N, C-alpha and C. Protein backbone atom coordinates (compact mmCIF):
# COMPACT_ATOMS: atom_id res chain seq x y z
N LYS A 1 1.10 -12.25 -12.07
CA LYS A 1 1.54 -13.57 -11.65
C LYS A 1 1.85 -13.60 -10.15
N ILE A 2 2.43 -12.52 -9.64
CA ILE A 2 2.77 -12.46 -8.22
C ILE A 2 1.51 -12.60 -7.36
N GLN A 3 0.47 -11.88 -7.73
CA GLN A 3 -0.78 -11.94 -6.97
C GLN A 3 -1.44 -13.30 -7.14
N GLU A 4 -1.34 -13.87 -8.30
CA GLU A 4 -1.90 -15.20 -8.55
C GLU A 4 -1.29 -16.22 -7.60
N VAL A 5 0.02 -16.16 -7.45
CA VAL A 5 0.72 -17.07 -6.53
C VAL A 5 0.37 -16.74 -5.08
N ARG A 6 0.36 -15.45 -4.74
CA ARG A 6 0.08 -15.01 -3.37
C ARG A 6 -1.29 -15.48 -2.90
N PHE A 7 -2.28 -15.45 -3.78
CA PHE A 7 -3.65 -15.75 -3.38
C PHE A 7 -4.15 -17.09 -3.94
N LYS A 8 -3.23 -17.98 -4.22
CA LYS A 8 -3.59 -19.27 -4.82
C LYS A 8 -4.66 -20.01 -4.03
N ARG A 9 -4.55 -20.01 -2.73
CA ARG A 9 -5.51 -20.74 -1.87
C ARG A 9 -6.31 -19.77 -1.01
N SER A 10 -6.79 -18.72 -1.64
CA SER A 10 -7.47 -17.68 -0.90
C SER A 10 -8.74 -17.23 -1.63
N ALA A 11 -9.64 -16.65 -0.88
CA ALA A 11 -10.85 -16.09 -1.51
C ALA A 11 -10.51 -14.84 -2.30
N ALA A 12 -9.46 -14.13 -1.87
CA ALA A 12 -9.00 -12.95 -2.61
C ALA A 12 -8.24 -13.41 -3.85
N SER A 13 -8.34 -12.62 -4.90
CA SER A 13 -7.61 -12.97 -6.12
C SER A 13 -6.63 -11.88 -6.51
N VAL A 14 -6.80 -10.69 -5.94
CA VAL A 14 -5.91 -9.57 -6.20
C VAL A 14 -5.69 -8.78 -4.91
N ASN A 15 -4.68 -7.92 -4.90
CA ASN A 15 -4.35 -7.16 -3.70
C ASN A 15 -5.53 -6.33 -3.19
N ALA A 16 -6.31 -5.78 -4.08
CA ALA A 16 -7.44 -4.93 -3.68
C ALA A 16 -8.47 -5.68 -2.84
N LEU A 17 -8.51 -6.98 -2.95
CA LEU A 17 -9.50 -7.79 -2.23
C LEU A 17 -8.96 -8.43 -0.95
N MET A 18 -7.76 -8.05 -0.53
CA MET A 18 -7.17 -8.63 0.68
C MET A 18 -8.01 -8.31 1.91
N SER A 19 -8.12 -9.29 2.78
CA SER A 19 -8.77 -9.09 4.08
C SER A 19 -7.80 -8.29 4.97
N PRO A 20 -8.30 -7.77 6.09
CA PRO A 20 -7.39 -7.08 7.00
C PRO A 20 -6.21 -7.97 7.44
N LYS A 21 -6.47 -9.24 7.69
CA LYS A 21 -5.40 -10.17 8.09
C LYS A 21 -4.38 -10.33 6.97
N GLN A 22 -4.84 -10.47 5.74
CA GLN A 22 -3.94 -10.60 4.59
C GLN A 22 -3.16 -9.32 4.36
N THR A 23 -3.82 -8.18 4.55
CA THR A 23 -3.15 -6.89 4.38
C THR A 23 -2.00 -6.78 5.36
N LYS A 24 -2.24 -7.15 6.60
CA LYS A 24 -1.18 -7.10 7.61
C LYS A 24 -0.02 -8.03 7.24
N LYS A 25 -0.34 -9.19 6.70
CA LYS A 25 0.69 -10.16 6.34
C LYS A 25 1.49 -9.74 5.12
N HIS A 26 0.82 -9.23 4.09
CA HIS A 26 1.46 -8.99 2.81
C HIS A 26 1.93 -7.55 2.59
N CYS A 27 1.50 -6.64 3.44
CA CYS A 27 1.87 -5.23 3.26
C CYS A 27 2.92 -4.82 4.28
N VAL A 28 4.09 -5.41 4.16
CA VAL A 28 5.21 -5.10 5.05
C VAL A 28 5.89 -3.84 4.53
N LEU A 29 6.01 -2.85 5.41
CA LEU A 29 6.57 -1.56 5.04
C LEU A 29 8.05 -1.46 5.42
N ARG A 30 8.86 -0.95 4.52
CA ARG A 30 10.27 -0.67 4.81
C ARG A 30 10.37 0.56 5.70
N ASP A 31 11.56 0.77 6.24
CA ASP A 31 11.83 1.96 7.05
C ASP A 31 11.44 3.21 6.27
N GLY A 32 10.77 4.09 6.92
CA GLY A 32 10.37 5.35 6.31
C GLY A 32 9.00 5.30 5.66
N ALA A 33 8.60 4.17 5.13
CA ALA A 33 7.31 4.06 4.44
C ALA A 33 6.16 4.22 5.42
N GLU A 34 6.29 3.61 6.58
CA GLU A 34 5.24 3.73 7.59
C GLU A 34 5.15 5.17 8.10
N ALA A 35 6.32 5.80 8.29
CA ALA A 35 6.33 7.19 8.75
C ALA A 35 5.67 8.11 7.73
N LEU A 36 5.92 7.87 6.45
CA LEU A 36 5.31 8.69 5.40
C LEU A 36 3.79 8.51 5.40
N LEU A 37 3.35 7.29 5.55
CA LEU A 37 1.91 7.02 5.57
C LEU A 37 1.26 7.67 6.79
N LYS A 38 1.90 7.60 7.94
CA LYS A 38 1.36 8.24 9.15
C LYS A 38 1.33 9.75 8.98
N GLN A 39 2.35 10.30 8.33
CA GLN A 39 2.39 11.74 8.07
C GLN A 39 1.22 12.14 7.16
N ALA A 40 0.94 11.33 6.16
CA ALA A 40 -0.17 11.61 5.25
C ALA A 40 -1.50 11.56 6.01
N VAL A 41 -1.63 10.61 6.92
CA VAL A 41 -2.86 10.52 7.73
C VAL A 41 -3.04 11.81 8.52
N ASP A 42 -1.97 12.27 9.15
CA ASP A 42 -2.04 13.49 9.96
C ASP A 42 -2.30 14.74 9.12
N GLU A 43 -1.58 14.87 8.01
CA GLU A 43 -1.66 16.09 7.21
C GLU A 43 -2.91 16.17 6.33
N PHE A 44 -3.34 15.04 5.80
CA PHE A 44 -4.43 15.05 4.84
C PHE A 44 -5.73 14.46 5.39
N GLY A 45 -5.71 14.02 6.65
CA GLY A 45 -6.93 13.48 7.26
C GLY A 45 -7.41 12.20 6.59
N ILE A 46 -6.49 11.34 6.23
CA ILE A 46 -6.83 10.09 5.56
C ILE A 46 -7.57 9.16 6.53
N SER A 47 -8.67 8.61 6.07
CA SER A 47 -9.48 7.70 6.89
C SER A 47 -8.83 6.32 6.98
N ALA A 48 -9.35 5.49 7.87
CA ALA A 48 -8.85 4.12 8.01
C ALA A 48 -9.05 3.34 6.72
N ARG A 49 -10.16 3.55 6.06
CA ARG A 49 -10.44 2.87 4.79
C ARG A 49 -9.43 3.30 3.72
N ALA A 50 -9.17 4.61 3.64
CA ALA A 50 -8.20 5.12 2.66
C ALA A 50 -6.79 4.61 2.98
N TYR A 51 -6.47 4.53 4.27
CA TYR A 51 -5.18 3.99 4.72
C TYR A 51 -4.99 2.58 4.17
N SER A 52 -6.02 1.76 4.34
CA SER A 52 -5.96 0.38 3.86
C SER A 52 -5.82 0.33 2.34
N ARG A 53 -6.55 1.17 1.65
CA ARG A 53 -6.46 1.19 0.18
C ARG A 53 -5.07 1.63 -0.28
N ILE A 54 -4.50 2.61 0.40
CA ILE A 54 -3.15 3.07 0.04
C ILE A 54 -2.16 1.94 0.25
N LEU A 55 -2.29 1.20 1.34
CA LEU A 55 -1.41 0.04 1.58
C LEU A 55 -1.53 -0.97 0.44
N LYS A 56 -2.74 -1.26 0.02
CA LYS A 56 -2.96 -2.25 -1.04
C LYS A 56 -2.41 -1.78 -2.38
N VAL A 57 -2.60 -0.50 -2.68
CA VAL A 57 -2.03 0.05 -3.92
C VAL A 57 -0.51 0.05 -3.83
N GLY A 58 0.01 0.40 -2.65
CA GLY A 58 1.47 0.34 -2.44
C GLY A 58 2.00 -1.07 -2.65
N ARG A 59 1.24 -2.07 -2.19
CA ARG A 59 1.64 -3.47 -2.38
C ARG A 59 1.69 -3.80 -3.88
N THR A 60 0.72 -3.32 -4.63
CA THR A 60 0.68 -3.57 -6.06
C THR A 60 1.86 -2.88 -6.76
N ILE A 61 2.15 -1.65 -6.37
CA ILE A 61 3.29 -0.93 -6.96
C ILE A 61 4.59 -1.67 -6.64
N ALA A 62 4.72 -2.15 -5.41
CA ALA A 62 5.91 -2.92 -5.03
C ALA A 62 5.99 -4.22 -5.83
N ASP A 63 4.85 -4.85 -6.07
CA ASP A 63 4.82 -6.07 -6.89
C ASP A 63 5.34 -5.77 -8.30
N LEU A 64 4.90 -4.66 -8.87
CA LEU A 64 5.34 -4.29 -10.22
C LEU A 64 6.84 -4.02 -10.26
N ALA A 65 7.40 -3.57 -9.13
CA ALA A 65 8.83 -3.33 -9.03
C ALA A 65 9.59 -4.58 -8.58
N ASP A 66 8.85 -5.69 -8.41
CA ASP A 66 9.42 -6.96 -7.97
C ASP A 66 10.11 -6.84 -6.61
N GLU A 67 9.45 -6.12 -5.70
CA GLU A 67 9.96 -5.91 -4.35
C GLU A 67 9.12 -6.68 -3.34
N ASP A 68 9.78 -7.28 -2.36
CA ASP A 68 9.07 -8.02 -1.31
C ASP A 68 8.40 -7.10 -0.30
N GLN A 69 9.03 -5.97 -0.04
CA GLN A 69 8.49 -5.03 0.93
C GLN A 69 8.10 -3.74 0.23
N ILE A 70 7.22 -3.00 0.86
CA ILE A 70 6.73 -1.74 0.32
C ILE A 70 7.67 -0.62 0.78
N ALA A 71 8.23 0.10 -0.18
CA ALA A 71 9.20 1.16 0.11
C ALA A 71 8.52 2.52 0.14
N VAL A 72 9.27 3.52 0.58
CA VAL A 72 8.78 4.89 0.66
C VAL A 72 8.22 5.34 -0.69
N GLU A 73 8.95 5.07 -1.76
CA GLU A 73 8.50 5.53 -3.09
C GLU A 73 7.19 4.86 -3.52
N HIS A 74 6.96 3.64 -3.07
CA HIS A 74 5.70 2.95 -3.39
C HIS A 74 4.53 3.60 -2.67
N ILE A 75 4.73 3.92 -1.41
CA ILE A 75 3.68 4.58 -0.62
C ILE A 75 3.44 5.99 -1.16
N ALA A 76 4.50 6.71 -1.48
CA ALA A 76 4.34 8.06 -2.02
C ALA A 76 3.53 8.03 -3.31
N GLU A 77 3.82 7.09 -4.19
CA GLU A 77 3.07 6.97 -5.44
C GLU A 77 1.61 6.61 -5.17
N ALA A 78 1.38 5.70 -4.23
CA ALA A 78 0.01 5.30 -3.89
C ALA A 78 -0.77 6.48 -3.32
N ILE A 79 -0.14 7.28 -2.48
CA ILE A 79 -0.80 8.46 -1.92
C ILE A 79 -1.16 9.44 -3.04
N GLN A 80 -0.26 9.61 -3.98
CA GLN A 80 -0.53 10.55 -5.07
C GLN A 80 -1.66 10.06 -5.97
N TYR A 81 -1.81 8.76 -6.13
CA TYR A 81 -2.96 8.25 -6.89
C TYR A 81 -4.25 8.54 -6.14
N ARG A 82 -4.21 8.42 -4.83
CA ARG A 82 -5.38 8.63 -3.99
C ARG A 82 -5.72 10.12 -3.87
N MET A 83 -4.66 10.93 -3.78
CA MET A 83 -4.80 12.36 -3.59
C MET A 83 -3.86 13.07 -4.56
N PRO A 84 -4.26 13.24 -5.80
CA PRO A 84 -3.36 13.75 -6.83
C PRO A 84 -2.77 15.13 -6.56
N HIS A 85 -3.39 15.93 -5.69
CA HIS A 85 -2.87 17.27 -5.42
C HIS A 85 -1.95 17.30 -4.20
N ALA A 86 -1.75 16.14 -3.58
CA ALA A 86 -0.88 16.07 -2.40
C ALA A 86 0.57 15.94 -2.84
N ASP A 87 1.42 16.84 -2.33
CA ASP A 87 2.84 16.75 -2.65
C ASP A 87 3.54 16.09 -1.46
N VAL A 88 3.72 14.79 -1.55
CA VAL A 88 4.29 14.04 -0.42
C VAL A 88 5.81 14.13 -0.39
N TRP A 89 6.41 14.78 -1.36
CA TRP A 89 7.89 14.88 -1.41
C TRP A 89 8.41 16.16 -0.82
N GLU A 90 7.56 17.01 -0.25
CA GLU A 90 8.03 18.28 0.31
C GLU A 90 8.87 18.04 1.54
């Protein structure tokens, strides 16, 4: 329902289909979440495309938690879905 409301007047219908402009608007990161994502980029060599996908999955996880912003735990979970062998909690 959250995504339905978010994309009511948009070509996108779900978070995965967000444009870069929509991603920037809807994927607001809390303190620490951006640092964790940047750390993952450095340590695991995450591409720009993977970065965007992780943001979108993080947005979906935050939606399921009924959160307006994406928190560290949402990004960590999204990274682990993308890279199941990555231990982002070390």
